[in-house]
PDB file of N, CA and C in Angstrom:
ATOM      1  N   MET A   1      42.067 -20.284  32.676  1.00  0.00           N
ATOM      2  CA  MET A   1      42.435 -19.087  32.580  1.00  0.00           C
ATOM      3  C   MET A   1      40.504 -18.079  32.398  1.00  0.00           C
ATOM      4  N   GLY A   2      39.244 -18.466  31.693  1.00  0.00           N
ATOM      5  CA  GLY A   2      38.527 -18.668  32.857  1.00  0.00           C
ATOM      6  C   GLY A   2      38.016 -17.346  31.850  1.00  0.00           C
ATOM      7  N   TYR A   3      38.530 -16.279  30.960  1.00  0.00           N
ATOM      8  CA  TYR A   3      38.489 -14.882  30.354  1.00  0.00           C
ATOM      9  C   TYR A   3      37.454 -15.262  28.948  1.00  0.00           C
ATOM     10  N   GLU A   4      36.723 -13.436  29.260  1.00  0.00           N
ATOM     11  CA  GLU A   4      35.918 -12.781  28.591  1.00  0.00           C
ATOM     12  C   GLU A   4      35.739 -11.607  27.924  1.00  0.00           C
ATOM     13  N   LEU A   5      36.240 -12.391  26.559  1.00  0.00           N
ATOM     14  CA  LEU A   5      35.920 -10.076  26.143  1.00  0.00           C
ATOM     15  C   LEU A   5      35.485 -10.206  25.850  1.00  0.00           C
ATOM     16  N   TYR A   6      34.748  -8.457  25.738  1.00  0.00           N
ATOM     17  CA  TYR A   6      33.908  -8.137  25.331  1.00  0.00           C
ATOM     18  C   TYR A   6      34.378  -7.018  24.560  1.00  0.00           C
ATOM     19  N   PHE A   7      33.872  -6.774  23.262  1.00  0.00           N
ATOM     20  CA  PHE A   7      34.072  -5.566  21.988  1.00  0.00           C
ATOM     21  C   PHE A   7      33.258  -5.180  21.509  1.00  0.00           C
ATOM     22  N   GLY A   8      33.191  -3.559  21.302  1.00  0.00           N
ATOM     23  CA  GLY A   8      31.829  -3.232  20.727  1.00  0.00           C
ATOM     24  C   GLY A   8      31.959  -1.881  20.342  1.00  0.00           C
ATOM     25  N   SER A   9      30.528  -1.000  19.672  1.00  0.00           N
ATOM     26  CA  SER A   9      30.118   0.006  19.601  1.00  0.00           C
ATOM     27  C   SER A   9      28.847   0.741  19.867  1.00  0.00           C
ATOM     28  N   GLY A  10      28.807   2.351  19.856  1.00  0.00           N
ATOM     29  CA  GLY A  10      27.425   2.140  20.195  1.00  0.00           C
ATOM     30  C   GLY A  10      27.244   3.852  20.652  1.00  0.00           C
ATOM     31  N   GLY A  11      26.038   4.087  21.071  1.00  0.00           N
ATOM     32  CA  GLY A  11      25.487   5.383  21.096  1.00  0.00           C
ATOM     33  C   GLY A  11      25.461   5.802  19.877  1.00  0.00           C
ATOM     34  N   GLY A  12      25.399   7.412  19.743  1.00  0.00           N
ATOM     35  CA  GLY A  12      24.575   7.742  18.777  1.00  0.00           C
ATOM     36  C   GLY A  12      22.998   8.564  18.652  1.00  0.00           C
ATOM     37  N   ALA A  13      22.412   9.014  18.045  1.00  0.00           N
ATOM     38  CA  ALA A  13      21.241   9.564  17.560  1.00  0.00           C
ATOM     39  C   ALA A  13      20.398   8.229  18.320  1.00  0.00           C
ATOM     40  N   THR A  14      20.853   6.862  18.047  1.00  0.00           N
ATOM     41  CA  THR A  14      19.595   5.951  18.306  1.00  0.00           C
ATOM     42  C   THR A  14      19.987   5.539  20.057  1.00  0.00           C
ATOM     43  N   GLY A  15      21.216   5.154  20.071  1.00  0.00           N
ATOM     44  CA  GLY A  15      22.146   5.204  21.362  1.00  0.00           C
ATOM     45  C   GLY A  15      22.202   3.480  21.543  1.00  0.00           C
ATOM     46  N   GLU A  16      22.174   2.631  20.303  1.00  0.00           N
ATOM     47  CA  GLU A  16      22.412   1.882  19.714  1.00  0.00           C
ATOM     48  C   GLU A  16      23.597   0.293  20.492  1.00  0.00           C
ATOM     49  N   ILE A  17      23.719  -0.387  20.944  1.00  0.00           N
ATOM     50  CA  ILE A  17      25.391  -1.232  21.273  1.00  0.00           C
ATOM     51  C   ILE A  17      25.038  -2.612  20.772  1.00  0.00           C
ATOM     52  N   ASN A  18      26.245  -2.270  19.438  1.00  0.00           N
ATOM     53  CA  ASN A  18      26.823  -3.843  18.985  1.00  0.00           C
ATOM     54  C   ASN A  18      27.586  -3.921  19.828  1.00  0.00           C
ATOM     55  N   ALA A  19      27.917  -4.986  20.646  1.00  0.00           N
ATOM     56  CA  ALA A  19      28.511  -6.006  21.271  1.00  0.00           C
ATOM     57  C   ALA A  19      29.162  -7.123  20.376  1.00  0.00           C
ATOM     58  N   TYR A  20      29.652  -7.761  20.848  1.00  0.00           N
ATOM     59  CA  TYR A  20      30.527  -8.696  20.759  1.00  0.00           C
ATOM     60  C   TYR A  20      31.194  -9.637  21.853  1.00  0.00           C
ATOM     61  N   CYS A  21      31.352 -10.962  21.970  1.00  0.00           N
ATOM     62  CA  CYS A  21      31.814 -11.838  23.651  1.00  0.00           C
ATOM     63  C   CYS A  21      32.630 -12.667  23.100  1.00  0.00           C
ATOM     64  N   LEU A  22      33.918 -12.562  23.207  1.00  0.00           N
ATOM     65  CA  LEU A  22      34.845 -13.673  22.300  1.00  0.00           C
ATOM     66  C   LEU A  22      35.224 -14.673  23.881  1.00  0.00           C
ATOM     67  N   LEU A  23      35.375 -15.787  23.702  1.00  0.00           N
ATOM     68  CA  LEU A  23      35.207 -16.748  24.914  1.00  0.00           C
ATOM     69  C   LEU A  23      36.982 -17.121  25.066  1.00  0.00           C
ATOM     70  N   ASP A  24      37.786 -17.520  25.934  1.00  0.00           N
ATOM     71  CA  ASP A  24      39.233 -18.185  25.449  1.00  0.00           C
ATOM     72  C   ASP A  24      38.803 -19.734  25.152  1.00  0.00           C
ATOM     73  N   ASN A  25      37.780 -20.447  24.892  1.00  0.00           N
ATOM     74  CA  ASN A  25      38.036 -21.242  24.208  1.00  0.00           C
ATOM     75  C   ASN A  25      37.826 -20.923  22.469  1.00  0.00           C
ATOM     76  N   GLY A  26      37.656 -20.109  21.933  1.00  0.00           N
ATOM     77  CA  GLY A  26      37.273 -19.272  20.818  1.00  0.00           C
ATOM     78  C   GLY A  26      35.832 -19.416  20.544  1.00  0.00           C
ATOM     79  N   ARG A  27      34.938 -19.397  21.195  1.00  0.00           N
ATOM     80  CA  ARG A  27      33.895 -19.097  21.159  1.00  0.00           C
ATOM     81  C   ARG A  27      33.522 -17.262  21.079  1.00  0.00           C
ATOM     82  N   LEU A  28      33.158 -17.403  19.421  1.00  0.00           N
ATOM     83  CA  LEU A  28      32.614 -15.799  19.096  1.00  0.00           C
ATOM     84  C   LEU A  28      31.191 -15.557  18.995  1.00  0.00           C
ATOM     85  N   TYR A  29      30.827 -15.202  20.310  1.00  0.00           N
ATOM     86  CA  TYR A  29      28.954 -14.734  20.409  1.00  0.00           C
ATOM     87  C   TYR A  29      29.325 -12.539  19.524  1.00  0.00           C
ATOM     88  N   HIS A  30      27.904 -12.525  19.264  1.00  0.00           N
ATOM     89  CA  HIS A  30      26.924 -11.581  19.110  1.00  0.00           C
ATOM     90  C   HIS A  30      26.219 -11.161  19.685  1.00  0.00           C
ATOM     91  N   ARG A  31      25.887  -9.822  19.676  1.00  0.00           N
ATOM     92  CA  ARG A  31      24.287  -9.394  21.135  1.00  0.00           C
ATOM     93  C   ARG A  31      24.082  -7.532  19.787  1.00  0.00           C
ATOM     94  N   PRO A  32      23.509  -8.221  19.077  1.00  0.00           N
ATOM     95  CA  PRO A  32      23.189  -6.737  18.106  1.00  0.00           C
ATOM     96  C   PRO A  32      21.567  -6.320  18.799  1.00  0.00           C
ATOM     97  N   THR A  33      21.971  -5.160  18.986  1.00  0.00           N
ATOM     98  CA  THR A  33      21.155  -4.693  19.895  1.00  0.00           C
ATOM     99  C   THR A  33      20.178  -4.588  19.535  1.00  0.00           C
ATOM    100  N   LYS A  34      18.981  -4.858  18.435  1.00  0.00           N
ATOM    101  CA  LYS A  34      17.315  -6.032  18.577  1.00  0.00           C
ATOM    102  C   LYS A  34      16.856  -6.474  19.482  1.00  0.00           C
ATOM    103  N   THR A  35      17.971  -7.390  18.850  1.00  0.00           N
ATOM    104  CA  THR A  35      17.443  -8.353  20.358  1.00  0.00           C
ATOM    105  C   THR A  35      17.871  -9.293  21.921  1.00  0.00           C
ATOM    106  N   GLY A  36      19.156  -8.373  21.951  1.00  0.00           N
ATOM    107  CA  GLY A  36      19.578  -8.269  23.153  1.00  0.00           C
ATOM    108  C   GLY A  36      20.158  -9.178  23.497  1.00  0.00           C
ATOM    109  N   GLU A  37      20.382 -10.273  23.135  1.00  0.00           N
ATOM    110  CA  GLU A  37      20.690 -11.979  23.344  1.00  0.00           C
ATOM    111  C   GLU A  37      21.737 -12.046  22.738  1.00  0.00           C
ATOM    112  N   PHE A  38      23.054 -12.702  23.451  1.00  0.00           N
ATOM    113  CA  PHE A  38      24.437 -12.725  22.046  1.00  0.00           C
ATOM    114  C   PHE A  38      23.949 -14.281  21.780  1.00  0.00           C
ATOM    115  N   PHE A  39      23.999 -14.307  20.336  1.00  0.00           N
ATOM    116  CA  PHE A  39      24.547 -15.832  19.929  1.00  0.00           C
ATOM    117  C   PHE A  39      25.523 -16.868  19.508  1.00  0.00           C
ATOM    118  N   LEU A  40      26.321 -17.160  19.231  1.00  0.00           N
ATOM    119  CA  LEU A  40      27.609 -17.992  18.607  1.00  0.00           C
ATOM    120  C   LEU A  40      27.711 -17.087  17.293  1.00  0.00           C
ATOM    121  N   VAL A  41      28.347 -16.385  16.937  1.00  0.00           N
ATOM    122  CA  VAL A  41      28.383 -16.335  15.312  1.00  0.00           C
ATOM    123  C   VAL A  41      29.758 -17.762  14.649  1.00  0.00           C
ATOM    124  N   ASP A  42      30.901 -17.682  15.991  1.00  0.00           N
ATOM    125  CA  ASP A  42      32.235 -18.087  15.195  1.00  0.00           C
ATOM    126  C   ASP A  42      33.375 -18.451  15.983  1.00  0.00           C
ATOM    127  N   ARG A  43      34.103 -19.742  15.271  1.00  0.00           N
ATOM    128  CA  ARG A  43      34.864 -20.414  16.577  1.00  0.00           C
ATOM    129  C   ARG A  43      36.439 -19.669  16.015  1.00  0.00           C
ATOM    130  N   ILE A  44      36.935 -18.815  16.869  1.00  0.00           N
ATOM    131  CA  ILE A  44      38.315 -18.451  16.772  1.00  0.00           C
ATOM    132  C   ILE A  44      39.474 -19.531  16.506  1.00  0.00           C
ATOM    133  N   PRO A  45      40.228 -20.005  16.096  1.00  0.00           N
ATOM    134  CA  PRO A  45      41.134 -20.832  15.837  1.00  0.00           C
ATOM    135  C   PRO A  45      41.843 -20.783  17.134  1.00  0.00           C
ATOM    136  N   LYS A  46      42.300 -22.061  17.500  1.00  0.00           N
ATOM    137  CA  LYS A  46      43.316 -21.877  19.009  1.00  0.00           C
ATOM    138  C   LYS A  46      44.550 -20.872  18.488  1.00  0.00           C
ATOM    139  N   ARG A  47      45.546 -20.651  17.994  1.00  0.00           N
ATOM    140  CA  ARG A  47      46.850 -19.746  17.443  1.00  0.00           C
ATOM    141  C   ARG A  47      46.210 -17.892  17.636  1.00  0.00           C
ATOM    142  N   ARG A  48      45.085 -18.190  16.875  1.00  0.00           N
ATOM    143  CA  ARG A  48      44.600 -16.611  16.833  1.00  0.00           C
ATOM    144  C   ARG A  48      44.162 -15.779  18.767  1.00  0.00           C
ATOM    145  N   ARG A  49      42.953 -17.204  18.875  1.00  0.00           N
ATOM    146  CA  ARG A  49      43.249 -16.854  20.275  1.00  0.00           C
ATOM    147  C   ARG A  49      44.037 -16.436  21.460  1.00  0.00           C
ATOM    148  N   ASN A  50      44.526 -17.755  21.557  1.00  0.00           N
ATOM    149  CA  ASN A  50      46.050 -17.082  21.903  1.00  0.00           C
ATOM    150  C   ASN A  50      46.658 -16.231  21.791  1.00  0.00           C
ATOM    151  N   ASP A  51      46.750 -15.882  20.948  1.00  0.00           N
ATOM    152  CA  ASP A  51      47.531 -14.650  20.772  1.00  0.00           C
ATOM    153  C   ASP A  51      46.449 -13.295  20.916  1.00  0.00           C
ATOM    154  N   LEU A  52      45.523 -12.988  20.941  1.00  0.00           N
ATOM    155  CA  LEU A  52      44.447 -12.003  21.636  1.00  0.00           C
ATOM    156  C   LEU A  52      44.928 -11.898  22.899  1.00  0.00           C
ATOM    157  N   PHE A  53      44.329 -13.140  22.963  1.00  0.00           N
ATOM    158  CA  PHE A  53      44.072 -13.164  25.212  1.00  0.00           C
ATOM    159  C   PHE A  53      45.999 -13.061  25.518  1.00  0.00           C
ATOM    160  N   TRP A  54      46.214 -13.165  24.436  1.00  0.00           N
ATOM    161  CA  TRP A  54      47.959 -12.408  24.934  1.00  0.00           C
ATOM    162  C   TRP A  54      47.910 -10.980  25.301  1.00  0.00           C
ATOM    163  N   GLN A  55      48.419 -10.728  24.085  1.00  0.00           N
ATOM    164  CA  GLN A  55      48.109  -8.602  23.960  1.00  0.00           C
ATOM    165  C   GLN A  55      47.072  -8.543  24.904  1.00  0.00           C
ATOM    166  N   VAL A  56      45.644  -9.402  25.653  1.00  0.00           N
ATOM    167  CA  VAL A  56      45.400  -8.822  27.005  1.00  0.00           C
ATOM    168  C   VAL A  56      46.190  -8.782  28.007  1.00  0.00           C
ATOM    169  N   ASP A  57      46.258 -10.061  28.280  1.00  0.00           N
ATOM    170  CA  ASP A  57      47.801  -9.734  29.610  1.00  0.00           C
ATOM    171  C   ASP A  57      48.606  -8.877  29.594  1.00  0.00           C
ATOM    172  N   ASN A  58      49.018  -9.027  27.968  1.00  0.00           N
ATOM    173  CA  ASN A  58      50.622  -7.485  27.269  1.00  0.00           C
ATOM    174  C   ASN A  58      50.130  -6.606  28.147  1.00  0.00           C
ATOM    175  N   LEU A  59      48.871  -6.108  27.275  1.00  0.00           N
ATOM    176  CA  LEU A  59      48.588  -4.755  27.702  1.00  0.00           C
ATOM    177  C   LEU A  59      47.950  -4.643  29.238  1.00  0.00           C
ATOM    178  N   ASP A  60      47.862  -5.380  29.973  1.00  0.00           N
ATOM    179  CA  ASP A  60      47.044  -5.264  31.433  1.00  0.00           C
ATOM    180  C   ASP A  60      45.715  -4.671  31.212  1.00  0.00           C
ATOM    181  N   LEU A  61      44.827  -5.251  30.595  1.00  0.00           N
ATOM    182  CA  LEU A  61      43.526  -4.780  30.846  1.00  0.00           C
ATOM    183  C   LEU A  61      42.919  -4.910  31.637  1.00  0.00           C
ATOM    184  N   PHE A  62      43.648  -5.500  32.635  1.00  0.00           N
ATOM    185  CA  PHE A  62      42.492  -5.389  34.133  1.00  0.00           C
ATOM    186  C   PHE A  62      42.771  -3.984  34.818  1.00  0.00           C
ATOM    187  N   GLY A  63      43.870  -3.964  33.993  1.00  0.00           N
ATOM    188  CA  GLY A  63      44.565  -2.664  34.905  1.00  0.00           C
ATOM    189  C   GLY A  63      44.610  -1.147  34.337  1.00  0.00           C
ATOM    190  N   VAL A  64      43.996  -0.704  32.873  1.00  0.00           N
ATOM    191  CA  VAL A  64      43.452  -0.077  32.773  1.00  0.00           C
ATOM    192  C   VAL A  64      42.984   1.039  33.563  1.00  0.00           C
ATOM    193  N   GLN A  65      42.597   2.434  33.616  1.00  0.00           N
ATOM    194  CA  GLN A  65      41.108   3.065  33.734  1.00  0.00           C
ATOM    195  C   GLN A  65      41.449   3.663  33.173  1.00  0.00           C
ATOM    196  N   PHE A  66      40.088   3.809  32.376  1.00  0.00           N
ATOM    197  CA  PHE A  66      39.645   4.667  30.726  1.00  0.00           C
ATOM    198  C   PHE A  66      38.505   4.530  30.432  1.00  0.00           C
ATOM    199  N   LEU A  67      37.400   5.459  31.382  1.00  0.00           N
ATOM    200  CA  LEU A  67      36.059   5.209  30.915  1.00  0.00           C
ATOM    201  C   LEU A  67      35.828   6.515  30.407  1.00  0.00           C
ATOM    202  N   GLU A  68      36.065   7.465  29.063  1.00  0.00           N
ATOM    203  CA  GLU A  68      35.703   8.807  28.485  1.00  0.00           C
ATOM    204  C   GLU A  68      34.773   8.099  26.877  1.00  0.00           C
ATOM    205  N   HIS A  69      33.774   8.030  28.157  1.00  0.00           N
ATOM    206  CA  HIS A  69      31.943   8.015  27.039  1.00  0.00           C
ATOM    207  C   HIS A  69      31.701   9.715  26.265  1.00  0.00           C
ATOM    208  N   GLU A  70      32.031   8.774  25.531  1.00  0.00           N
ATOM    209  CA  GLU A  70      31.567  10.298  24.235  1.00  0.00           C
ATOM    210  C   GLU A  70      30.165   9.772  23.707  1.00  0.00           C
ATOM    211  N   ASN A  71      29.255  10.608  22.840  1.00  0.00           N
ATOM    212  CA  ASN A  71      28.026  10.475  21.612  1.00  0.00           C
ATOM    213  C   ASN A  71      27.969   9.167  21.511  1.00  0.00           C
ATOM    214  N   ARG A  72      29.035   8.846  20.706  1.00  0.00           N
ATOM    215  CA  ARG A  72      29.627   7.598  20.029  1.00  0.00           C
ATOM    216  C   ARG A  72      30.870   7.527  20.728  1.00  0.00           C
ATOM    217  N   PHE A  73      30.876   6.000  21.152  1.00  0.00           N
ATOM    218  CA  PHE A  73      32.098   5.118  21.453  1.00  0.00           C
ATOM    219  C   PHE A  73      32.175   4.012  21.036  1.00  0.00           C
ATOM    220  N   ARG A  74      33.755   3.289  21.760  1.00  0.00           N
ATOM    221  CA  ARG A  74      34.030   1.610  21.610  1.00  0.00           C
ATOM    222  C   ARG A  74      34.347   1.258  23.061  1.00  0.00           C
ATOM    223  N   PHE A  75      34.071   0.050  22.855  1.00  0.00           N
ATOM    224  CA  PHE A  75      34.484  -0.491  24.237  1.00  0.00           C
ATOM    225  C   PHE A  75      35.043  -1.955  24.561  1.00  0.00           C
ATOM    226  N   LEU A  76      36.084  -1.670  25.970  1.00  0.00           N
ATOM    227  CA  LEU A  76      37.195  -3.306  25.404  1.00  0.00           C
ATOM    228  C   LEU A  76      36.718  -3.541  26.994  1.00  0.00           C
ATOM    229  N   GLN A  77      35.884  -4.626  27.018  1.00  0.00           N
ATOM    230  CA  GLN A  77      36.100  -5.707  28.786  1.00  0.00           C
ATOM    231  C   GLN A  77      36.487  -6.900  28.457  1.00  0.00           C
ATOM    232  N   ILE A  78      37.460  -6.124  29.881  1.00  0.00           N
ATOM    233  CA  ILE A  78      38.271  -7.583  30.428  1.00  0.00           C
ATOM    234  C   ILE A  78      36.956  -8.789  31.671  1.00  0.00           C
ATOM    235  N   LYS A  79      36.845 -10.016  31.847  1.00  0.00           N
ATOM    236  CA  LYS A  79      36.130 -10.429  32.562  1.00  0.00           C
ATOM    237  C   LYS A  79      36.616 -11.382  33.252  1.00  0.00           C
ATOM    238  N   GLY A  80      36.902 -12.296  34.034  1.00  0.00           N
ATOM    239  CA  GLY A  80      37.437 -13.228  34.647  1.00  0.00           C
ATOM    240  C   GLY A  80      38.285 -12.653  36.532  1.00  0.00           C
ATOM    241  N   GLN A  81      39.187 -14.043  36.836  1.00  0.00           N
ATOM    242  CA  GLN A  81      39.283 -14.044  37.672  1.00  0.00           C
ATOM    243  C   GLN A  81      39.353 -12.870  39.121  1.00  0.00           C
ATOM    244  N   GLU A  82      40.394 -12.616  38.243  1.00  0.00           N
ATOM    245  CA  GLU A  82      40.880 -11.206  38.768  1.00  0.00           C
ATOM    246  C   GLU A  82      39.996  -9.984  39.158  1.00  0.00           C
ATOM    247  N   GLY A  83      38.557  -9.935  38.485  1.00  0.00           N
ATOM    248  CA  GLY A  83      37.181  -9.111  37.974  1.00  0.00           C
ATOM    249  C   GLY A  83      36.618  -8.732  36.828  1.00  0.00           C
ATOM    250  N   VAL A  84      37.090  -7.945  36.730  1.00  0.00           N
ATOM    251  CA  VAL A  84      36.150  -7.057  35.214  1.00  0.00           C
ATOM    252  C   VAL A  84      36.187  -5.743  34.917  1.00  0.00           C
ATOM    253  N   ASN A  85      36.724  -5.155  33.934  1.00  0.00           N
ATOM    254  CA  ASN A  85      36.967  -3.808  33.495  1.00  0.00           C
ATOM    255  C   ASN A  85      36.876  -3.227  32.639  1.00  0.00           C
ATOM    256  N   ARG A  86      36.732  -2.543  32.652  1.00  0.00           N
ATOM    257  CA  ARG A  86      36.217  -2.261  31.065  1.00  0.00           C
ATOM    258  C   ARG A  86      36.679  -0.424  30.379  1.00  0.00           C
ATOM    259  N   VAL A  87      36.909  -0.581  29.195  1.00  0.00           N
ATOM    260  CA  VAL A  87      37.749   0.906  28.474  1.00  0.00           C
ATOM    261  C   VAL A  87      36.471   1.428  28.171  1.00  0.00           C
ATOM    262  N   MET A  88      36.765   2.107  27.718  1.00  0.00           N
ATOM    263  CA  MET A  88      35.983   3.182  27.051  1.00  0.00           C
ATOM    264  C   MET A  88      36.306   4.698  26.414  1.00  0.00           C
ATOM    265  N   TRP A  89      36.119   4.538  24.820  1.00  0.00           N
ATOM    266  CA  TRP A  89      36.696   5.977  24.016  1.00  0.00           C
ATOM    267  C   TRP A  89      35.866   6.277  23.230  1.00  0.00           C
ATOM    268  N   GLY A  90      36.152   7.215  22.570  1.00  0.00           N
ATOM    269  CA  GLY A  90      35.955   7.975  22.009  1.00  0.00           C
ATOM    270  C   GLY A  90      36.154   8.277  20.929  1.00  0.00           C
ATOM    271  N   ASP A  91      36.360   9.096  19.428  1.00  0.00           N
ATOM    272  CA  ASP A  91      37.559   9.625  18.435  1.00  0.00           C
ATOM    273  C   ASP A  91      38.346  10.460  19.367  1.00  0.00           C
ATOM    274  N   ARG A  92      37.398  11.486  20.044  1.00  0.00           N
ATOM    275  CA  ARG A  92      38.617  12.332  20.391  1.00  0.00           C
ATOM    276  C   ARG A  92      39.207  12.150  21.722  1.00  0.00           C
ATOM    277  N   THR A  93      38.352  11.074  22.212  1.00  0.00           N
ATOM    278  CA  THR A  93      39.768  10.735  23.498  1.00  0.00           C
ATOM    279  C   THR A  93      41.031   9.355  23.053  1.00  0.00           C
ATOM    280  N   ALA A  94      40.707   8.735  21.262  1.00  0.00           N
ATOM    281  CA  ALA A  94      41.362   7.374  21.378  1.00  0.00           C
ATOM    282  C   ALA A  94      42.873   7.581  21.418  1.00  0.00           C
ATOM    283  N   SER A  95      43.594   8.875  21.500  1.00  0.00           N
ATOM    284  CA  SER A  95      44.840   9.311  21.286  1.00  0.00           C
ATOM    285  C   SER A  95      44.758   9.546  22.379  1.00  0.00           C
ATOM    286  N   GLN A  96      44.531   9.083  23.507  1.00  0.00           N
ATOM    287  CA  GLN A  96      44.956   9.243  25.190  1.00  0.00           C
ATOM    288  C   GLN A  96      44.662   8.198  25.569  1.00  0.00           C
ATOM    289  N   LEU A  97      44.664   7.271  24.821  1.00  0.00           N
ATOM    290  CA  LEU A  97      45.203   5.957  25.587  1.00  0.00           C
ATOM    291  C   LEU A  97      45.822   4.813  25.663  1.00  0.00           C
ATOM    292  N   PRO A  98      46.265   3.895  26.068  1.00  0.00           N
ATOM    293  CA  PRO A  98      47.660   3.166  26.207  1.00  0.00           C
ATOM    294  C   PRO A  98      47.976   2.693  24.645  1.00  0.00           C
ATOM    295  N   ASP A  99      49.077   2.809  24.289  1.00  0.00           N
ATOM    296  CA  ASP A  99      49.395   2.069  23.411  1.00  0.00           C
ATOM    297  C   ASP A  99      48.669   0.501  23.396  1.00  0.00           C
ATOM    298  N   GLY A 100      48.525   0.170  22.325  1.00  0.00           N
ATOM    299  CA  GLY A 100      48.214  -1.203  21.771  1.00  0.00           C
ATOM    300  C   GLY A 100      46.088  -1.536  22.043  1.00  0.00           C
ATOM    301  N   ILE A 101      46.045  -0.289  23.136  1.00  0.00           N
ATOM    302  CA  ILE A 101      44.700  -0.784  22.719  1.00  0.00           C
ATOM    303  C   ILE A 101      43.771  -0.284  21.641  1.00  0.00           C
ATOM    304  N   THR A 102      44.110   0.182  20.784  1.00  0.00           N
ATOM    305  CA  THR A 102      43.250   0.787  19.851  1.00  0.00           C
ATOM    306  C   THR A 102      43.627  -0.801  18.806  1.00  0.00           C
ATOM    307  N   ASP A 103      44.729  -0.811  19.401  1.00  0.00           N
ATOM    308  CA  ASP A 103      45.258  -1.855  18.191  1.00  0.00           C
ATOM    309  C   ASP A 103      44.216  -3.383  18.144  1.00  0.00           C
ATOM    310  N   LEU A 104      44.405  -3.560  19.234  1.00  0.00           N
ATOM    311  CA  LEU A 104      43.604  -4.346  19.441  1.00  0.00           C
ATOM    312  C   LEU A 104      42.276  -4.352  19.902  1.00  0.00           C
ATOM    313  N   TYR A 105      41.865  -3.882  19.627  1.00  0.00           N
ATOM    314  CA  TYR A 105      40.458  -3.625  18.752  1.00  0.00           C
ATOM    315  C   TYR A 105      40.103  -3.055  18.322  1.00  0.00           C
ATOM    316  N   LYS A 106      40.936  -2.998  16.771  1.00  0.00           N
ATOM    317  CA  LYS A 106      40.547  -3.228  15.499  1.00  0.00           C
ATOM    318  C   LYS A 106      41.012  -4.359  14.809  1.00  0.00           C
ATOM    319  N   GLU A 107      41.634  -5.186  16.099  1.00  0.00           N
ATOM    320  CA  GLU A 107      42.380  -6.433  15.321  1.00  0.00           C
ATOM    321  C   GLU A 107      41.148  -7.586  16.102  1.00  0.00           C
ATOM    322  N   LEU A 108      40.052  -7.043  17.049  1.00  0.00           N
ATOM    323  CA  LEU A 108      39.204  -7.884  16.919  1.00  0.00           C
ATOM    324  C   LEU A 108      37.618  -7.566  16.007  1.00  0.00           C
ATOM    325  N   GLN A 109      37.993  -6.471  15.696  1.00  0.00           N
ATOM    326  CA  GLN A 109      37.094  -5.916  14.724  1.00  0.00           C
ATOM    327  C   GLN A 109      36.734  -6.952  13.096  1.00  0.00           C
ATOM    328  N   VAL A 110      38.174  -6.741  12.422  1.00  0.00           N
ATOM    329  CA  VAL A 110      38.671  -7.521  11.649  1.00  0.00           C
ATOM    330  C   VAL A 110      38.122  -8.378  11.863  1.00  0.00           C
ATOM    331  N   ILE A 111      38.293 -10.014  13.024  1.00  0.00           N
ATOM    332  CA  ILE A 111      37.447 -11.282  13.471  1.00  0.00           C
ATOM    333  C   ILE A 111      35.939 -10.612  13.440  1.00  0.00           C
ATOM    334  N   ALA A 112      35.485  -9.954  13.628  1.00  0.00           N
ATOM    335  CA  ALA A 112      34.307  -9.935  13.673  1.00  0.00           C
ATOM    336  C   ALA A 112      33.341  -9.366  12.272  1.00  0.00           C
ATOM    337  N   ALA A 113      34.187  -8.605  11.503  1.00  0.00           N
ATOM    338  CA  ALA A 113      33.861  -8.124  10.147  1.00  0.00           C
ATOM    339  C   ALA A 113      33.897  -9.572   9.496  1.00  0.00           C
ATOM    340  N   GLU A 114      34.955 -10.622   9.684  1.00  0.00           N
ATOM    341  CA  GLU A 114      34.920 -12.051   8.707  1.00  0.00           C
ATOM    342  C   GLU A 114      33.952 -13.032   9.644  1.00  0.00           C
ATOM    343  N   SER A 115      33.694 -12.853  10.436  1.00  0.00           N
ATOM    344  CA  SER A 115      33.368 -13.890  11.523  1.00  0.00           C
ATOM    345  C   SER A 115      31.339 -13.591  10.248  1.00  0.00           C
ATOM    346  N   ARG A 116      31.167 -11.952  10.220  1.00  0.00           N
ATOM    347  CA  ARG A 116      29.926 -11.853   9.554  1.00  0.00           C
ATOM    348  C   ARG A 116      29.851 -12.391   7.546  1.00  0.00           C
ATOM    349  N   ASP A 117      31.045 -12.922   6.854  1.00  0.00           N
ATOM    350  CA  ASP A 117      31.457 -12.737   6.238  1.00  0.00           C
ATOM    351  C   ASP A 117      30.208 -14.473   5.559  1.00  0.00           C
TER     352      ASP A 117
END
């Protein structure tokens, strides 16, 4: 596979972007705006990461064309042999996303929060 799944949020008055990267080997990296560099924060168990990447495949994240940048935004980005694709949305445009995208994002945010604890 060789997938890299990026997710996070940003914008607002500061323009800061808080990003994570989940590799298909389970390593989860975090890039706070202040450092600009990714650092390892956790390893996601195999069953959970397989479920997440199954969702990516099921949602056809490589095929979703949605870039609606607002002042505050959220994003998912997939990188793999198929190329790179980014999906970006804000509060006003979230309801226009294909089914399952926001659910995947919320699940990834839960994982990120658990990794910070």
